[in-house]
PDB file of N, CA and C in Angstrom:
ATOM      1  N   MET A   1     -58.670  -9.019-121.188  1.00  0.00           N
ATOM      2  CA  MET A   1     -59.613 -10.078-121.392  1.00  0.00           C
ATOM      3  C   MET A   1     -58.903 -11.408-121.150  1.00  0.00           C
ATOM      4  N   LYS A   2     -59.548 -12.286-120.454  1.00  0.00           N
ATOM      5  CA  LYS A   2     -58.966 -13.573-120.112  1.00  0.00           C
ATOM      6  C   LYS A   2     -58.639 -14.362-121.384  1.00  0.00           C
ATOM      7  N   GLY A   3     -57.449 -14.945-121.409  1.00  0.00           N
ATOM      8  CA  GLY A   3     -57.008 -15.737-122.549  1.00  0.00           C
ATOM      9  C   GLY A   3     -56.246 -14.940-123.594  1.00  0.00           C
ATOM     10  N   TYR A   4     -56.069 -13.630-123.344  1.00  0.00           N
ATOM     11  CA  TYR A   4     -55.365 -12.756-124.286  1.00  0.00           C
ATOM     12  C   TYR A   4     -54.297 -11.964-123.559  1.00  0.00           C
ATOM     13  N   ILE A   5     -53.258 -11.620-124.292  1.00  0.00           N
ATOM     14  CA  ILE A   5     -52.189 -10.777-123.758  1.00  0.00           C
ATOM     15  C   ILE A   5     -51.914  -9.643-124.743  1.00  0.00           C
ATOM     16  N   LEU A   6     -51.226  -8.639-124.282  1.00  0.00           N
ATOM     17  CA  LEU A   6     -50.760  -7.580-125.153  1.00  0.00           C
ATOM     18  C   LEU A   6     -49.691  -8.177-126.071  1.00  0.00           C
ATOM     19  N   ASN A   7     -49.724  -7.841-127.323  1.00  0.00           N
ATOM     20  CA  ASN A   7     -48.750  -8.347-128.283  1.00  0.00           C
ATOM     21  C   ASN A   7     -47.333  -8.119-127.737  1.00  0.00           C
ATOM     22  N   PRO A   8     -46.485  -9.140-127.721  1.00  0.00           N
ATOM     23  CA  PRO A   8     -45.136  -8.981-127.157  1.00  0.00           C
ATOM     24  C   PRO A   8     -44.178  -8.174-128.035  1.00  0.00           C
ATOM     25  N   ASP A   9     -44.561  -7.869-129.265  1.00  0.00           N
ATOM     26  CA  ASP A   9     -43.717  -7.082-130.164  1.00  0.00           C
ATOM     27  C   ASP A   9     -43.846  -5.602-129.769  1.00  0.00           C
ATOM     28  N   LYS A  10     -42.916  -5.132-128.973  1.00  0.00           N
ATOM     29  CA  LYS A  10     -42.996  -3.787-128.400  1.00  0.00           C
ATOM     30  C   LYS A  10     -43.024  -2.682-129.450  1.00  0.00           C
ATOM     31  N   GLU A  11     -42.252  -2.824-130.513  1.00  0.00           N
ATOM     32  CA  GLU A  11     -42.234  -1.823-131.572  1.00  0.00           C
ATOM     33  C   GLU A  11     -43.604  -1.749-132.258  1.00  0.00           C
ATOM     34  N   TYR A  12     -44.199  -2.904-132.524  1.00  0.00           N
ATOM     35  CA  TYR A  12     -45.522  -2.954-133.140  1.00  0.00           C
ATOM     36  C   TYR A  12     -46.571  -2.331-132.218  1.00  0.00           C
ATOM     37  N   VAL A  13     -46.511  -2.692-130.937  1.00  0.00           N
ATOM     38  CA  VAL A  13     -47.471  -2.159-129.959  1.00  0.00           C
ATOM     39  C   VAL A  13     -47.358  -0.638-129.886  1.00  0.00           C
ATOM     40  N   GLU A  14     -46.149  -0.098-129.915  1.00  0.00           N
ATOM     41  CA  GLU A  14     -45.967   1.355-129.878  1.00  0.00           C
ATOM     42  C   GLU A  14     -46.654   2.021-131.066  1.00  0.00           C
ATOM     43  N   LYS A  15     -46.557   1.410-132.257  1.00  0.00           N
ATOM     44  CA  LYS A  15     -47.198   1.967-133.449  1.00  0.00           C
ATOM     45  C   LYS A  15     -48.718   1.932-133.306  1.00  0.00           C
ATOM     46  N   ILE A  16     -49.263   0.842-132.790  1.00  0.00           N
ATOM     47  CA  ILE A  16     -50.708   0.731-132.606  1.00  0.00           C
ATOM     48  C   ILE A  16     -51.182   1.730-131.550  1.00  0.00           C
ATOM     49  N   ILE A  17     -50.455   1.841-130.444  1.00  0.00           N
ATOM     50  CA  ILE A  17     -50.815   2.785-129.391  1.00  0.00           C
ATOM     51  C   ILE A  17     -50.798   4.215-129.931  1.00  0.00           C
ATOM     52  N   GLU A  18     -49.822   4.545-130.757  1.00  0.00           N
ATOM     53  CA  GLU A  18     -49.773   5.871-131.372  1.00  0.00           C
ATOM     54  C   GLU A  18     -51.003   6.086-132.260  1.00  0.00           C
ATOM     55  N   GLY A  19     -51.399   5.059-132.998  1.00  0.00           N
ATOM     56  CA  GLY A  19     -52.604   5.155-133.819  1.00  0.00           C
ATOM     57  C   GLY A  19     -53.853   5.369-132.975  1.00  0.00           C
ATOM     58  N   ILE A  20     -53.914   4.712-131.834  1.00  0.00           N
ATOM     59  CA  ILE A  20     -55.040   4.891-130.912  1.00  0.00           C
ATOM     60  C   ILE A  20     -55.055   6.319-130.382  1.00  0.00           C
ATOM     61  N   ARG A  21     -53.893   6.845-130.045  1.00  0.00           N
ATOM     62  CA  ARG A  21     -53.795   8.242-129.575  1.00  0.00           C
ATOM     63  C   ARG A  21     -54.284   9.213-130.646  1.00  0.00           C
ATOM     64  N   LYS A  22     -53.855   8.993-131.878  1.00  0.00           N
ATOM     65  CA  LYS A  22     -54.242   9.883-132.975  1.00  0.00           C
ATOM     66  C   LYS A  22     -55.747   9.840-133.244  1.00  0.00           C
ATOM     67  N   LYS A  23     -56.382   8.711-132.926  1.00  0.00           N
ATOM     68  CA  LYS A  23     -57.823   8.575-133.152  1.00  0.00           C
ATOM     69  C   LYS A  23     -58.616   8.756-131.855  1.00  0.00           C
ATOM     70  N   ASP A  24     -58.018   9.435-130.899  1.00  0.00           N
ATOM     71  CA  ASP A  24     -58.701   9.758-129.637  1.00  0.00           C
ATOM     72  C   ASP A  24     -59.243   8.535-128.906  1.00  0.00           C
ATOM     73  N   GLY A  25     -58.464   7.458-128.871  1.00  0.00           N
ATOM     74  CA  GLY A  25     -58.846   6.268-128.115  1.00  0.00           C
ATOM     75  C   GLY A  25     -59.582   5.218-128.918  1.00  0.00           C
ATOM     76  N   HIS A  26     -59.788   5.470-130.198  1.00  0.00           N
ATOM     77  CA  HIS A  26     -60.496   4.509-131.043  1.00  0.00           C
ATOM     78  C   HIS A  26     -59.510   3.598-131.758  1.00  0.00           C
ATOM     79  N   CYS A  27     -59.990   2.413-132.105  1.00  0.00           N
ATOM     80  CA  CYS A  27     -59.172   1.427-132.812  1.00  0.00           C
ATOM     81  C   CYS A  27     -58.622   2.043-134.102  1.00  0.00           C
ATOM     82  N   PRO A  28     -57.305   1.946-134.321  1.00  0.00           N
ATOM     83  CA  PRO A  28     -56.722   2.530-135.524  1.00  0.00           C
ATOM     84  C   PRO A  28     -57.077   1.756-136.790  1.00  0.00           C
ATOM     85  N   CYS A  29     -57.612   0.560-136.643  1.00  0.00           N
ATOM     86  CA  CYS A  29     -57.963  -0.275-137.800  1.00  0.00           C
ATOM     87  C   CYS A  29     -59.370   0.004-138.312  1.00  0.00           C
ATOM     88  N   ARG A  30     -60.130   0.791-137.587  1.00  0.00           N
ATOM     89  CA  ARG A  30     -61.521   1.074-137.954  1.00  0.00           C
ATOM     90  C   ARG A  30     -61.622   2.413-138.680  1.00  0.00           C
ATOM     91  N   LEU A  31     -62.507   2.467-139.651  1.00  0.00           N
ATOM     92  CA  LEU A  31     -62.711   3.706-140.397  1.00  0.00           C
ATOM     93  C   LEU A  31     -63.583   4.689-139.638  1.00  0.00           C
ATOM     94  N   THR A  32     -64.511   4.166-138.824  1.00  0.00           N
ATOM     95  CA  THR A  32     -65.425   5.019-138.084  1.00  0.00           C
ATOM     96  C   THR A  32     -64.912   5.264-136.675  1.00  0.00           C
ATOM     97  N   LYS A  33     -65.419   6.315-136.065  1.00  0.00           N
ATOM     98  CA  LYS A  33     -65.127   6.617-134.673  1.00  0.00           C
ATOM     99  C   LYS A  33     -66.458   6.766-133.955  1.00  0.00           C
ATOM    100  N   ASP A  34     -66.843   5.737-133.199  1.00  0.00           N
ATOM    101  CA  ASP A  34     -68.063   5.794-132.402  1.00  0.00           C
ATOM    102  C   ASP A  34     -67.854   4.943-131.150  1.00  0.00           C
ATOM    103  N   ASP A  35     -68.894   4.793-130.356  1.00  0.00           N
ATOM    104  CA  ASP A  35     -68.757   4.051-129.099  1.00  0.00           C
ATOM    105  C   ASP A  35     -68.307   2.605-129.303  1.00  0.00           C
ATOM    106  N   THR A  36     -68.566   2.017-130.454  1.00  0.00           N
ATOM    107  CA  THR A  36     -68.209   0.611-130.695  1.00  0.00           C
ATOM    108  C   THR A  36     -66.749   0.442-131.072  1.00  0.00           C
ATOM    109  N   THR A  37     -66.068   1.540-131.402  1.00  0.00           N
ATOM    110  CA  THR A  37     -64.674   1.429-131.840  1.00  0.00           C
ATOM    111  C   THR A  37     -63.666   1.907-130.809  1.00  0.00           C
ATOM    112  N   LEU A  38     -64.128   2.276-129.606  1.00  0.00           N
ATOM    113  CA  LEU A  38     -63.184   2.629-128.545  1.00  0.00           C
ATOM    114  C   LEU A  38     -62.388   1.387-128.164  1.00  0.00           C
ATOM    115  N   CYS A  39     -61.092   1.542-128.031  1.00  0.00           N
ATOM    116  CA  CYS A  39     -60.218   0.419-127.726  1.00  0.00           C
ATOM    117  C   CYS A  39     -60.322   0.036-126.250  1.00  0.00           C
ATOM    118  N   PRO A  40     -60.500  -1.236-125.920  1.00  0.00           N
ATOM    119  CA  PRO A  40     -60.730  -2.355-126.830  1.00  0.00           C
ATOM    120  C   PRO A  40     -62.124  -2.273-127.447  1.00  0.00           C
ATOM    121  N   CYS A  41     -62.180  -2.468-128.750  1.00  0.00           N
ATOM    122  CA  CYS A  41     -63.424  -2.287-129.491  1.00  0.00           C
ATOM    123  C   CYS A  41     -64.444  -3.390-129.172  1.00  0.00           C
ATOM    124  N   ASP A  42     -65.683  -3.127-129.537  1.00  0.00           N
ATOM    125  CA  ASP A  42     -66.763  -4.086-129.280  1.00  0.00           C
ATOM    126  C   ASP A  42     -66.518  -5.424-129.971  1.00  0.00           C
ATOM    127  N   ASP A  43     -65.914  -5.397-131.174  1.00  0.00           N
ATOM    128  CA  ASP A  43     -65.647  -6.648-131.880  1.00  0.00           C
ATOM    129  C   ASP A  43     -64.719  -7.542-131.054  1.00  0.00           C
ATOM    130  N   PHE A  44     -63.729  -6.933-130.423  1.00  0.00           N
ATOM    131  CA  PHE A  44     -62.823  -7.718-129.576  1.00  0.00           C
ATOM    132  C   PHE A  44     -63.540  -8.197-128.321  1.00  0.00           C
ATOM    133  N   ILE A  45     -64.286  -7.331-127.688  1.00  0.00           N
ATOM    134  CA  ILE A  45     -64.984  -7.692-126.452  1.00  0.00           C
ATOM    135  C   ILE A  45     -66.020  -8.783-126.702  1.00  0.00           C
ATOM    136  N   GLU A  46     -66.813  -8.641-127.772  1.00  0.00           N
ATOM    137  CA  GLU A  46     -67.901  -9.575-128.032  1.00  0.00           C
ATOM    138  C   GLU A  46     -67.475 -10.824-128.798  1.00  0.00           C
ATOM    139  N   ASN A  47     -66.584 -10.660-129.781  1.00  0.00           N
ATOM    140  CA  ASN A  47     -66.225 -11.775-130.667  1.00  0.00           C
ATOM    141  C   ASN A  47     -64.788 -12.255-130.513  1.00  0.00           C
ATOM    142  N   LYS A  48     -64.046 -11.600-129.625  1.00  0.00           N
ATOM    143  CA  LYS A  48     -62.645 -11.941-129.375  1.00  0.00           C
ATOM    144  C   LYS A  48     -61.792 -11.857-130.645  1.00  0.00           C
ATOM    145  N   VAL A  49     -62.053 -10.795-131.436  1.00  0.00           N
ATOM    146  CA  VAL A  49     -61.306 -10.546-132.658  1.00  0.00           C
ATOM    147  C   VAL A  49     -60.635  -9.183-132.541  1.00  0.00           C
ATOM    148  N   CYS A  50     -59.317  -9.170-132.440  1.00  0.00           N
ATOM    149  CA  CYS A  50     -58.562  -7.912-132.405  1.00  0.00           C
ATOM    150  C   CYS A  50     -57.911  -7.753-133.776  1.00  0.00           C
ATOM    151  N   LYS A  51     -58.540  -6.942-134.617  1.00  0.00           N
ATOM    152  CA  LYS A  51     -58.088  -6.792-136.002  1.00  0.00           C
ATOM    153  C   LYS A  51     -56.689  -6.191-136.114  1.00  0.00           C
ATOM    154  N   CYS A  52     -56.303  -5.355-135.169  1.00  0.00           N
ATOM    155  CA  CYS A  52     -54.979  -4.735-135.246  1.00  0.00           C
ATOM    156  C   CYS A  52     -53.902  -5.560-134.535  1.00  0.00           C
ATOM    157  N   ASN A  53     -54.292  -6.663-133.906  1.00  0.00           N
ATOM    158  CA  ASN A  53     -53.357  -7.555-133.196  1.00  0.00           C
ATOM    159  C   ASN A  53     -52.651  -6.892-132.025  1.00  0.00           C
ATOM    160  N   LEU A  54     -53.298  -5.897-131.435  1.00  0.00           N
ATOM    161  CA  LEU A  54     -52.761  -5.325-130.204  1.00  0.00           C
ATOM    162  C   LEU A  54     -52.874  -6.377-129.095  1.00  0.00           C
ATOM    163  N   PHE A  55     -53.989  -7.082-129.100  1.00  0.00           N
ATOM    164  CA  PHE A  55     -54.203  -8.177-128.159  1.00  0.00           C
ATOM    165  C   PHE A  55     -54.162  -9.491-128.936  1.00  0.00           C
ATOM    166  N   ILE A  56     -53.407 -10.439-128.422  1.00  0.00           N
ATOM    167  CA  ILE A  56     -53.306 -11.729-129.100  1.00  0.00           C
ATOM    168  C   ILE A  56     -53.664 -12.853-128.127  1.00  0.00           C
ATOM    169  N   LYS A  57     -54.169 -13.926-128.682  1.00  0.00           N
ATOM    170  CA  LYS A  57     -54.570 -15.076-127.894  1.00  0.00           C
ATOM    171  C   LYS A  57     -53.338 -15.753-127.301  1.00  0.00           C
ATOM    172  N   ILE A  58     -53.454 -16.160-126.048  1.00  0.00           N
ATOM    173  CA  ILE A  58     -52.360 -16.866-125.385  1.00  0.00           C
ATOM    174  C   ILE A  58     -52.235 -18.247-126.010  1.00  0.00           C
ATOM    175  N   ASP A  59     -51.041 -18.594-126.430  1.00  0.00           N
ATOM    176  CA  ASP A  59     -50.776 -19.911-127.008  1.00  0.00           C
ATOM    177  C   ASP A  59     -50.618 -20.905-125.869  1.00  0.00           C
ATOM    178  N   LYS A  60     -51.526 -21.851-125.788  1.00  0.00           N
ATOM    179  CA  LYS A  60     -51.485 -22.837-124.702  1.00  0.00           C
ATOM    180  C   LYS A  60     -50.857 -24.142-125.153  1.00  0.00           C
ATOM    181  N   ALA A  61     -49.764 -24.037-125.893  1.00  0.00           N
ATOM    182  CA  ALA A  61     -49.094 -25.220-126.419  1.00  0.00           C
ATOM    183  C   ALA A  61     -48.346 -25.982-125.358  1.00  0.00           C
TER     184      ALA A  61
END
């Protein structure tokens, strides 16, 4: 998504990716598993909120 990058903390990203694998492609931060929680989840796509911080906003400082 434009304006966002993958979190640069590689160790953290590996843990999140493992969580996504364990949940069959769904956000590891969500309790439910449905079409809205497939990573990237609908909340991130629609509201630009990545609760697990896999994707972070580019700092334009």
